[in-house]
Amino acid sequence: MSGEGSTDGRLLARHLGAITRAIRIHRVGNRAVSGLIRWCARDLTELSRAGGDPRVELDLNGVLVVNGQPQRLRREVRTQLLPLATMMRDLGVGGFKLVGDVAEPALLSFFALLREHHGALDRVAFQLALDDVGADCFRLLVPRVLVSGLSGGPGAAVRVAAAETLQAYVRAVLAVEQARDEGILLRIPPAVYRATQGLAELADGDLRMHLALTALKEDIDYGTRHPVHSMIFAMALGSRVGLPRTLLVEVGIAALVCASIPEQASADDILSTVLAILPTSRLSLARARRMLAAVEFRAGLDRTGPPYILLDSPPHLFGRICAIVTRFDQLTTTRPDQPAVLADEALALMAETPGNRLDPELLRLFASVVGRYPLGSALLLDNGEVGVVMHTPGDPALAARPLVRIVRDARGVLVRHGPIVDLSDPACGRSIRGAVDAEALGIDARRALFG
């Protein structure tokens, strides 16, 4: 097994999760558990023999890092890993380093002791217990801050697992750009559909890195960037709503269609666009949803906007999502006729939208998804430093205290490889004074996020 191979890492994650679930139901020596132990011991042995610094780390959010490489896992796999993460943290353990082949009895002993003693021993005592039973191939590691897409801790170098994320983004940009040039974007050609599937996989597996892509605003034509970023935001909101991956693809394409309709389009223009899509739709349920979203997304909950559809039922969920995400991306992007506003200002403006145009519940949920200070935001701290947001806390109570990389020191000097500061840690001694315009200060937020 190659520690760098994400497929192998995912297989190890499934085996670890399955063993954890099994030992909560059966005794550790059960035949079903023994079979899983055999497979997992083989995975770990291959990892150990691959050389380097073989280690497996896990945090309380179910984030698994193998050899320093965060694994993009399905939501259900991360959920299976949560009990294992909790048992390990009860012992003060954040993972283990491998110092040789992992025999089945050693791995069996590891899980048996873990189940028996979690919460009753500390990490040192647990290591001694493992050594006593011959499971000395495991060297226990202290817990670290492991964030999906990031690994490390405050003050340490944070490794951004961006390669696959950036590849998915580039594929989407190139596919949309080519389809626009050929005039076939609204027909959703296969290349655009495949690129959308890649973005949906990111949203379903690693929502924070998926959202980080929206910080890539420069060097991309607005006509291409707006549909792509609207897709990303729509999938992120859809993921938080609980849509499965198949529907994340569809809500993403619905947002692409809506973002491709000119802002000043009349009701007739919108309906004409929908009718132009109709011949290629074959009226599948998925494409019907896209067309409905394209018709409804500007009408608002009160249906006072074009194309003035006189129906008693509220707009479709896709239309309400598209109305929010397309407006947010418009406000936060500099266009020839409009300067961009900061993300927190855009959310405030949208909350003050007169009438009943935007779904208030979805808007509150969207604000929690992107965070008060979204990834890539530049923040001025009270000591004069400027940091770029690297991670938005999942706890709403900590929304104003994200993880930031310092990119400009208190003297105003740009810092290329600044420290990582966890603003939720009282010991950091810093607080946020306000959001600032990164570009105006000569700060490259993309470099801070993606290395």
Protein backbone atom coordinates (compact mmCIF):
# COMPACT_ATOMS: atom_id res chain seq x y z
CA MET A 1 0.00 0.00 0.00
CA SER A 2 1.29 3.44 -0.86
CA GLY A 3 0.78 6.00 1.84
CA GLU A 4 0.49 8.71 -0.79
CA GLY A 5 -2.25 6.88 -2.69
CA SER A 6 -5.63 8.32 -1.73
CA THR A 7 -7.43 5.18 -2.89
CA ASP A 8 -5.40 3.02 -0.49
CA GLY A 9 -5.89 5.58 2.27
CA ARG A 10 -9.62 5.42 1.76
CA LEU A 11 -9.51 1.63 1.92
CA LEU A 12 -7.65 1.82 5.23
CA ALA A 13 -10.25 4.31 6.48
CA ARG A 14 -13.09 1.93 5.60
CA HIS A 15 -11.37 -0.96 7.36
CA LEU A 16 -10.67 1.09 10.50
CA GLY A 17 -14.25 2.35 10.55
CA ALA A 18 -15.68 -1.13 10.03
CA ILE A 19 -13.55 -2.59 12.86
CA THR A 20 -14.62 0.20 15.21
CA ARG A 21 -18.28 -0.45 14.45
CA ALA A 22 -17.83 -4.21 14.81
CA ILE A 23 -16.10 -4.10 18.21
CA ARG A 24 -18.93 -1.96 19.56
CA ILE A 25 -21.32 -4.79 18.70
CA HIS A 26 -19.22 -7.97 19.03
CA ARG A 27 -16.35 -9.08 21.21
CA VAL A 28 -12.96 -8.31 19.73
CA GLY A 29 -12.24 -11.98 19.01
CA ASN A 30 -15.41 -12.43 16.96
CA ARG A 31 -14.92 -14.09 13.55
CA ALA A 32 -16.24 -11.07 11.66
CA VAL A 33 -13.88 -8.78 13.57
CA SER A 34 -10.97 -11.15 12.91
CA GLY A 35 -11.53 -10.93 9.16
CA LEU A 36 -11.49 -7.14 9.25
CA ILE A 37 -8.39 -7.21 11.47
CA ARG A 38 -6.61 -9.37 8.88
CA TRP A 39 -7.33 -6.92 6.06
CA CYS A 40 -6.42 -3.86 8.12
CA ALA A 41 -3.16 -5.44 9.37
CA ARG A 42 -2.22 -6.06 5.73
CA ASP A 43 -2.97 -2.40 4.87
CA LEU A 44 -0.82 -1.14 7.74
CA THR A 45 2.04 -3.51 6.95
CA GLU A 46 2.12 -2.29 3.36
CA LEU A 47 2.10 1.28 4.66
CA SER A 48 5.03 0.50 6.96
CA ARG A 49 7.04 -1.20 4.21
CA ALA A 50 6.52 1.72 1.83
CA GLY A 51 9.13 3.61 3.87
CA GLY A 52 9.24 7.25 4.75
CA ASP A 53 7.55 8.19 8.00
CA PRO A 54 4.53 5.84 8.15
CA ARG A 55 1.91 7.30 10.44
CA VAL A 56 -1.87 7.40 10.74
CA GLU A 57 -3.59 10.31 12.49
CA LEU A 58 -7.24 10.97 13.26
CA ASP A 59 -9.15 13.84 14.83
CA LEU A 60 -12.56 14.23 16.44
CA ASN A 61 -14.15 15.33 13.15
CA GLY A 62 -13.24 12.02 11.49
CA VAL A 63 -10.41 13.60 9.47
CA LEU A 64 -7.87 10.87 8.61
CA VAL A 65 -4.31 11.80 7.62
CA VAL A 66 -2.02 9.04 6.29
CA ASN A 67 1.68 9.93 5.95
CA GLY A 68 0.78 13.60 6.22
CA GLN A 69 -1.74 13.28 3.38
CA PRO A 70 -5.36 14.18 4.34
CA GLN A 71 -7.77 11.64 2.86
CA ARG A 72 -10.90 12.79 1.06
CA LEU A 73 -13.53 10.52 2.57
CA ARG A 74 -17.22 10.09 2.05
CA ARG A 75 -19.40 11.44 4.82
CA GLU A 76 -20.50 7.97 5.95
CA VAL A 77 -16.86 6.81 6.27
CA ARG A 78 -15.96 9.82 8.39
CA THR A 79 -18.99 9.09 10.57
CA GLN A 80 -17.78 5.51 11.11
CA LEU A 81 -14.38 6.84 12.22
CA LEU A 82 -15.80 9.20 14.86
CA PRO A 83 -16.12 6.55 17.66
CA LEU A 84 -12.50 5.47 17.03
CA ALA A 85 -11.36 9.09 17.19
CA THR A 86 -13.26 9.58 20.47
CA MET A 87 -11.77 6.46 22.08
CA MET A 88 -8.27 7.52 21.06
CA ARG A 89 -8.71 11.07 22.32
CA ASP A 90 -9.98 9.72 25.67
CA LEU A 91 -6.47 8.24 26.02
CA GLY A 92 -4.73 11.40 24.81
CA VAL A 93 -3.82 9.69 21.52
CA GLY A 94 -4.01 11.41 18.14
CA GLY A 95 -2.77 8.49 16.05
CA PHE A 96 0.21 6.16 15.75
CA LYS A 97 3.50 5.77 13.96
CA LEU A 98 4.43 2.34 12.58
CA VAL A 99 7.86 0.87 13.40
CA GLY A 100 7.62 -2.46 11.61
CA ASP A 101 5.16 -4.96 10.18
CA VAL A 102 1.76 -5.07 11.86
CA ALA A 103 0.83 -8.64 12.77
CA GLU A 104 -2.81 -9.56 13.26
CA PRO A 105 -2.37 -10.31 17.00
CA ALA A 106 -0.77 -6.89 17.52
CA LEU A 107 -3.65 -5.07 15.83
CA LEU A 108 -6.17 -7.24 17.69
CA SER A 109 -4.48 -6.30 20.97
CA PHE A 110 -4.52 -2.62 20.01
CA PHE A 111 -8.30 -2.62 19.56
CA ALA A 112 -8.92 -4.85 22.59
CA LEU A 113 -6.95 -2.52 24.85
CA LEU A 114 -8.52 0.52 23.24
CA ARG A 115 -12.02 -0.77 23.91
CA GLU A 116 -11.18 -1.83 27.46
CA HIS A 117 -9.20 1.14 28.69
CA HIS A 118 -10.32 4.25 26.80
CA GLY A 119 -10.89 6.97 29.37
CA ALA A 120 -9.11 4.97 32.10
CA LEU A 121 -5.47 5.36 30.99
CA ASP A 122 -3.36 8.15 29.58
CA ARG A 123 -1.24 7.90 26.43
CA VAL A 124 1.95 6.82 28.26
CA ALA A 125 0.18 4.07 30.21
CA PHE A 126 -1.57 2.87 27.05
CA GLN A 127 1.79 2.68 25.23
CA LEU A 128 3.21 0.56 28.07
CA ALA A 129 0.19 -1.72 27.88
CA LEU A 130 0.72 -2.19 24.14
CA ASP A 131 4.40 -2.96 24.65
CA ASP A 132 3.54 -5.54 27.34
CA VAL A 133 1.32 -7.51 24.93
CA GLY A 134 3.83 -7.38 22.07
CA ALA A 135 2.09 -4.65 20.06
CA ASP A 136 5.19 -2.48 20.05
CA CYS A 137 4.92 -1.83 16.32
CA PHE A 138 2.63 1.09 17.31
CA ARG A 139 4.22 4.28 18.65
CA LEU A 140 1.42 6.49 19.88
CA LEU A 141 1.29 10.15 18.80
CA VAL A 142 -0.03 13.16 20.67
CA PRO A 143 -3.19 14.73 19.21
CA ARG A 144 -2.73 17.45 16.60
CA VAL A 145 -5.16 19.86 15.00
CA LEU A 146 -6.25 18.10 11.81
CA VAL A 147 -8.60 20.00 9.56
CA SER A 148 -10.18 18.54 6.45
CA GLY A 149 -7.80 19.74 3.76
CA LEU A 150 -5.30 20.94 6.35
CA SER A 151 -2.97 19.29 8.83
CA GLY A 152 -0.79 20.74 11.48
CA GLY A 153 -1.49 23.04 14.35
CA PRO A 154 -1.33 26.66 15.44
CA GLY A 155 2.17 28.03 14.89
CA ALA A 156 3.16 25.08 12.69
CA ALA A 157 3.31 24.76 8.92
CA VAL A 158 -0.16 23.87 7.64
CA ARG A 159 -0.17 21.54 4.66
CA VAL A 160 -2.96 22.28 2.23
CA ALA A 161 -4.15 19.20 0.34
CA ALA A 162 -4.99 21.21 -2.75
CA ALA A 163 -3.81 19.20 -5.75
CA GLU A 164 -7.03 17.29 -6.47
CA THR A 165 -9.12 20.29 -5.49
CA LEU A 166 -7.34 22.59 -7.93
CA GLN A 167 -7.49 19.98 -10.69
CA ALA A 168 -11.27 19.72 -10.31
CA TYR A 169 -11.54 23.51 -10.41
CA VAL A 170 -9.34 23.88 -13.49
CA ARG A 171 -11.36 21.19 -15.30
CA ALA A 172 -14.57 23.08 -14.52
CA VAL A 173 -13.17 26.44 -15.65
CA LEU A 174 -11.80 25.04 -18.90
CA ALA A 175 -15.01 23.13 -19.67
CA VAL A 176 -17.25 26.15 -19.04
CA GLU A 177 -14.95 28.47 -20.98
CA GLN A 178 -14.89 26.20 -24.01
CA ALA A 179 -18.65 25.66 -23.91
CA ARG A 180 -19.19 29.45 -23.72
CA ASP A 181 -16.90 30.02 -26.69
CA GLU A 182 -18.80 27.40 -28.68
CA GLY A 183 -22.18 28.78 -27.60
CA ILE A 184 -23.32 25.45 -26.14
CA LEU A 185 -22.94 26.09 -22.40
CA LEU A 186 -26.67 25.96 -21.61
CA ARG A 187 -26.94 22.60 -23.34
CA ILE A 188 -24.66 21.27 -20.60
CA PRO A 189 -22.17 19.38 -22.80
CA PRO A 190 -20.55 16.19 -21.38
CA ALA A 191 -17.31 17.95 -20.40
CA VAL A 192 -19.24 20.45 -18.25
CA TYR A 193 -21.29 17.67 -16.68
CA ARG A 194 -18.18 15.65 -15.80
CA ALA A 195 -16.49 18.72 -14.33
CA THR A 196 -19.60 19.38 -12.24
CA GLN A 197 -19.45 15.84 -10.93
CA GLY A 198 -15.86 16.45 -9.78
CA LEU A 199 -16.89 19.58 -7.89
CA ALA A 200 -19.85 17.72 -6.35
CA GLU A 201 -17.48 15.03 -5.07
CA LEU A 202 -15.43 17.72 -3.35
CA ALA A 203 -18.52 19.29 -1.78
CA ASP A 204 -19.66 15.91 -0.50
CA GLY A 205 -16.25 14.95 0.87
CA ASP A 206 -14.28 18.08 1.79
CA LEU A 207 -16.57 21.09 1.99
CA ARG A 208 -13.96 23.53 3.31
CA MET A 209 -11.50 22.94 0.47
CA HIS A 210 -14.43 23.02 -1.97
CA LEU A 211 -15.35 26.49 -0.70
CA ALA A 212 -11.72 27.61 -0.72
CA LEU A 213 -11.87 27.54 -4.53
CA THR A 214 -14.09 30.63 -4.49
CA ALA A 215 -11.06 32.64 -3.34
CA LEU A 216 -9.58 32.16 -6.84
CA LYS A 217 -11.07 35.29 -8.36
CA GLU A 218 -8.28 36.78 -10.44
CA ASP A 219 -7.11 35.84 -13.94
CA ILE A 220 -10.48 34.39 -14.89
CA ASP A 221 -13.02 36.13 -17.10
CA TYR A 222 -16.15 37.04 -15.13
CA GLY A 223 -18.39 35.32 -17.66
CA THR A 224 -16.62 32.04 -16.87
CA ARG A 225 -15.87 32.60 -13.22
CA HIS A 226 -19.39 33.58 -12.17
CA PRO A 227 -21.06 30.34 -13.36
CA VAL A 228 -18.28 28.17 -11.89
CA HIS A 229 -18.27 29.91 -8.50
CA SER A 230 -22.06 29.92 -8.38
CA MET A 231 -21.91 26.14 -8.88
CA ILE A 232 -19.45 25.83 -6.01
CA PHE A 233 -21.58 27.91 -3.64
CA ALA A 234 -24.78 26.10 -4.65
CA MET A 235 -23.23 22.69 -4.00
CA ALA A 236 -21.90 23.86 -0.64
CA LEU A 237 -25.33 25.08 0.43
CA GLY A 238 -26.95 21.94 -1.00
CA SER A 239 -24.53 19.79 0.97
CA ARG A 240 -25.44 21.60 4.19
CA VAL A 241 -29.14 21.14 3.39
CA GLY A 242 -28.43 17.41 3.10
CA LEU A 243 -28.76 16.80 -0.64
CA PRO A 244 -27.13 13.55 -1.86
CA ARG A 245 -24.31 13.77 -4.39
CA THR A 246 -26.56 13.18 -7.41
CA LEU A 247 -28.66 16.20 -6.47
CA LEU A 248 -25.54 18.25 -5.69
CA VAL A 249 -24.62 17.80 -9.35
CA GLU A 250 -28.07 18.98 -10.42
CA VAL A 251 -28.24 21.99 -8.12
CA GLY A 252 -24.75 22.93 -9.33
CA ILE A 253 -25.85 22.82 -12.96
CA ALA A 254 -29.00 24.76 -12.05
CA ALA A 255 -26.77 27.47 -10.58
CA LEU A 256 -24.59 27.44 -13.72
CA VAL A 257 -27.68 27.99 -15.87
CA CYS A 258 -28.95 30.80 -13.64
CA ALA A 259 -25.55 32.52 -13.48
CA SER A 260 -25.32 32.38 -17.28
CA ILE A 261 -28.50 34.40 -17.72
CA PRO A 262 -27.68 38.13 -18.12
CA GLU A 263 -28.40 40.16 -15.00
CA GLN A 264 -30.68 42.57 -16.85
CA ALA A 265 -32.59 39.84 -18.68
CA SER A 266 -36.31 40.44 -19.02
CA ALA A 267 -39.00 37.89 -18.30
CA ASP A 268 -39.15 37.10 -22.02
CA ASP A 269 -35.38 36.62 -22.13
CA ILE A 270 -35.48 34.17 -19.23
CA LEU A 271 -38.34 32.21 -20.73
CA SER A 272 -36.59 32.19 -24.11
CA THR A 273 -33.48 30.77 -22.48
CA VAL A 274 -35.51 28.00 -20.86
CA LEU A 275 -37.21 27.23 -24.18
CA ALA A 276 -33.77 27.06 -25.83
CA ILE A 277 -32.70 24.42 -23.29
CA LEU A 278 -35.94 22.50 -23.69
CA PRO A 279 -35.11 20.67 -26.98
CA THR A 280 -31.98 19.14 -25.40
CA SER A 281 -33.58 18.29 -22.07
CA ARG A 282 -35.76 15.29 -23.01
CA LEU A 283 -37.76 16.44 -19.98
CA SER A 284 -35.84 14.33 -17.49
CA LEU A 285 -36.62 15.19 -13.88
CA ALA A 286 -33.11 16.55 -13.37
CA ARG A 287 -33.29 18.92 -16.33
CA ALA A 288 -36.83 19.95 -15.39
CA ARG A 289 -35.42 21.07 -12.04
CA ARG A 290 -32.76 23.13 -13.81
CA MET A 291 -35.32 24.83 -16.02
CA LEU A 292 -37.61 25.54 -13.08
CA ALA A 293 -34.72 27.11 -11.16
CA ALA A 294 -33.81 29.25 -14.19
CA VAL A 295 -37.38 30.51 -14.42
CA GLU A 296 -37.88 31.13 -10.70
CA PHE A 297 -34.56 32.24 -9.26
CA ARG A 298 -35.20 35.97 -9.71
CA ALA A 299 -38.89 35.88 -8.86
CA GLY A 300 -38.25 35.76 -5.10
CA LEU A 301 -40.32 34.11 -2.44
CA ASP A 302 -43.00 36.75 -2.97
CA ARG A 303 -42.79 36.25 -6.76
CA THR A 304 -42.51 40.00 -7.35
CA GLY A 305 -39.57 39.69 -9.72
CA PRO A 306 -39.42 38.55 -13.35
CA PRO A 307 -40.84 36.47 -14.85
CA TYR A 308 -43.82 37.11 -12.47
CA ILE A 309 -45.12 33.57 -12.17
CA LEU A 310 -48.57 33.56 -10.63
CA LEU A 311 -48.44 30.40 -8.54
CA ASP A 312 -49.45 29.82 -4.96
CA SER A 313 -46.62 27.36 -4.26
CA PRO A 314 -43.23 28.68 -3.15
CA PRO A 315 -40.31 28.56 -5.60
CA HIS A 316 -38.49 25.26 -5.94
CA LEU A 317 -35.58 24.67 -3.53
CA PHE A 318 -33.10 24.87 -6.42
CA GLY A 319 -34.44 28.29 -7.43
CA ARG A 320 -34.16 29.62 -3.86
CA ILE A 321 -30.59 28.30 -3.58
CA CYS A 322 -29.61 29.81 -6.94
CA ALA A 323 -31.04 33.20 -5.99
CA ILE A 324 -28.78 33.36 -2.94
CA VAL A 325 -25.55 31.99 -4.40
CA THR A 326 -25.60 33.96 -7.64
CA ARG A 327 -26.28 37.20 -5.76
CA PHE A 328 -23.50 36.53 -3.24
CA ASP A 329 -20.94 35.84 -5.98
CA GLN A 330 -22.01 38.98 -7.87
CA LEU A 331 -21.55 41.16 -4.79
CA THR A 332 -18.14 39.74 -3.84
CA THR A 333 -16.63 40.00 -7.34
CA THR A 334 -15.23 43.09 -9.02
CA ARG A 335 -16.92 43.70 -12.36
CA PRO A 336 -16.49 46.50 -14.91
CA ASP A 337 -19.60 48.26 -13.58
CA GLN A 338 -19.35 47.38 -9.90
CA PRO A 339 -16.55 47.06 -7.33
CA ALA A 340 -16.63 44.02 -5.06
CA VAL A 341 -17.66 44.20 -1.43
CA LEU A 342 -16.23 42.02 1.33
CA ALA A 343 -18.01 38.77 2.15
CA ASP A 344 -19.38 39.92 5.51
CA GLU A 345 -20.67 43.12 3.86
CA ALA A 346 -22.33 41.08 1.10
CA LEU A 347 -24.13 38.88 3.64
CA ALA A 348 -25.32 41.98 5.50
CA LEU A 349 -26.61 43.55 2.27
CA MET A 350 -28.44 40.35 1.34
CA ALA A 351 -30.01 40.15 4.80
CA GLU A 352 -31.33 43.69 4.31
CA THR A 353 -32.90 42.89 0.91
CA PRO A 354 -36.30 44.60 0.94
CA GLY A 355 -39.44 42.51 0.78
CA ASN A 356 -39.46 38.75 0.83
CA ARG A 357 -37.09 38.06 -2.06
CA LEU A 358 -34.46 35.75 -0.55
CA ASP A 359 -35.37 32.74 1.59
CA PRO A 360 -34.36 33.93 5.10
CA GLU A 361 -33.77 30.43 6.48
CA LEU A 362 -31.59 29.42 3.53
CA LEU A 363 -29.73 32.73 3.76
CA ARG A 364 -28.91 32.12 7.44
CA LEU A 365 -27.77 28.61 6.57
CA PHE A 366 -25.64 29.95 3.72
CA ALA A 367 -24.01 32.47 6.08
CA SER A 368 -23.07 29.60 8.40
CA VAL A 369 -21.67 27.63 5.44
CA VAL A 370 -19.36 30.34 4.10
CA GLY A 371 -18.66 31.63 7.60
CA ARG A 372 -18.66 35.17 8.86
CA TYR A 373 -15.15 35.35 7.42
CA PRO A 374 -14.95 32.87 4.50
CA LEU A 375 -11.78 31.04 3.51
CA GLY A 376 -9.37 33.40 1.81
CA SER A 377 -10.67 36.49 3.64
CA ALA A 378 -7.99 38.93 4.80
CA LEU A 379 -8.41 40.03 8.42
CA LEU A 380 -6.76 42.92 10.26
CA LEU A 381 -5.87 41.84 13.80
CA ASP A 382 -5.75 44.10 16.83
CA ASN A 383 -1.94 43.96 16.98
CA GLY A 384 -1.64 45.31 13.42
CA GLU A 385 -0.96 41.96 11.72
CA VAL A 386 -2.99 40.78 8.74
CA GLY A 387 -3.97 37.12 8.37
CA VAL A 388 -5.73 35.08 5.68
CA VAL A 389 -8.47 32.73 6.87
CA MET A 390 -7.34 29.10 6.45
CA HIS A 391 -10.17 27.36 8.27
CA THR A 392 -13.65 28.45 9.34
CA PRO A 393 -14.85 26.93 12.63
CA GLY A 394 -17.81 24.58 12.49
CA ASP A 395 -19.11 25.92 15.83
CA PRO A 396 -21.24 29.06 15.18
CA ALA A 397 -20.07 30.45 18.54
CA LEU A 398 -16.51 30.57 17.15
CA ALA A 399 -17.45 32.05 13.76
CA ALA A 400 -15.49 35.23 14.55
CA ARG A 401 -12.36 33.32 15.63
CA PRO A 402 -11.06 31.33 12.62
CA LEU A 403 -7.64 29.80 11.93
CA VAL A 404 -5.48 32.31 10.00
CA ARG A 405 -2.07 32.42 8.38
CA ILE A 406 -0.17 35.64 9.11
CA VAL A 407 0.74 37.27 5.77
CA ARG A 408 1.67 40.77 6.95
CA ASP A 409 3.36 41.56 10.25
CA ALA A 410 2.59 44.39 12.66
CA ARG A 411 5.06 46.67 10.83
CA GLY A 412 3.22 46.19 7.54
CA VAL A 413 5.88 43.94 6.00
CA LEU A 414 4.58 41.09 3.83
CA VAL A 415 5.47 37.65 5.24
CA ARG A 416 5.86 34.81 2.74
CA HIS A 417 5.65 31.84 5.13
CA GLY A 418 3.97 33.29 8.18
CA PRO A 419 2.83 31.34 11.24
CA ILE A 420 -0.59 29.78 11.65
CA VAL A 421 -2.63 31.35 14.45
CA ASP A 422 -5.73 29.82 16.01
CA LEU A 423 -7.80 32.83 17.06
CA SER A 424 -10.12 30.58 19.11
CA ASP A 425 -7.18 29.88 21.45
CA PRO A 426 -7.12 32.53 24.21
CA ALA A 427 -3.35 32.06 24.46
CA CYS A 428 -2.83 33.50 20.96
CA GLY A 429 -3.42 37.00 22.34
CA ARG A 430 -5.05 38.34 19.18
CA SER A 431 -8.53 39.32 18.07
CA ILE A 432 -10.08 40.56 14.82
CA ARG A 433 -10.38 44.27 14.18
CA GLY A 434 -12.16 43.79 10.84
CA ALA A 435 -12.00 42.42 7.31
CA VAL A 436 -9.78 44.19 4.76
CA ASP A 437 -9.26 44.07 1.00
CA ALA A 438 -6.39 41.64 0.37
CA GLU A 439 -5.68 42.91 -3.15
CA ALA A 440 -5.46 46.52 -2.01
CA LEU A 441 -2.80 45.51 0.53
CA GLY A 442 -0.80 43.53 -2.05
CA ILE A 443 -1.70 40.21 -0.41
CA ASP A 444 -2.07 37.07 -2.54
CA ALA A 445 -4.74 35.08 -0.68
CA ARG A 446 -4.39 32.26 -3.19
CA ARG A 447 -0.77 31.67 -2.21
CA ALA A 448 -1.71 31.56 1.47
CA LEU A 449 -4.46 29.03 0.80
CA PHE A 450 -2.88 26.79 -1.81
CA GLY A 451 0.83 27.23 -1.23
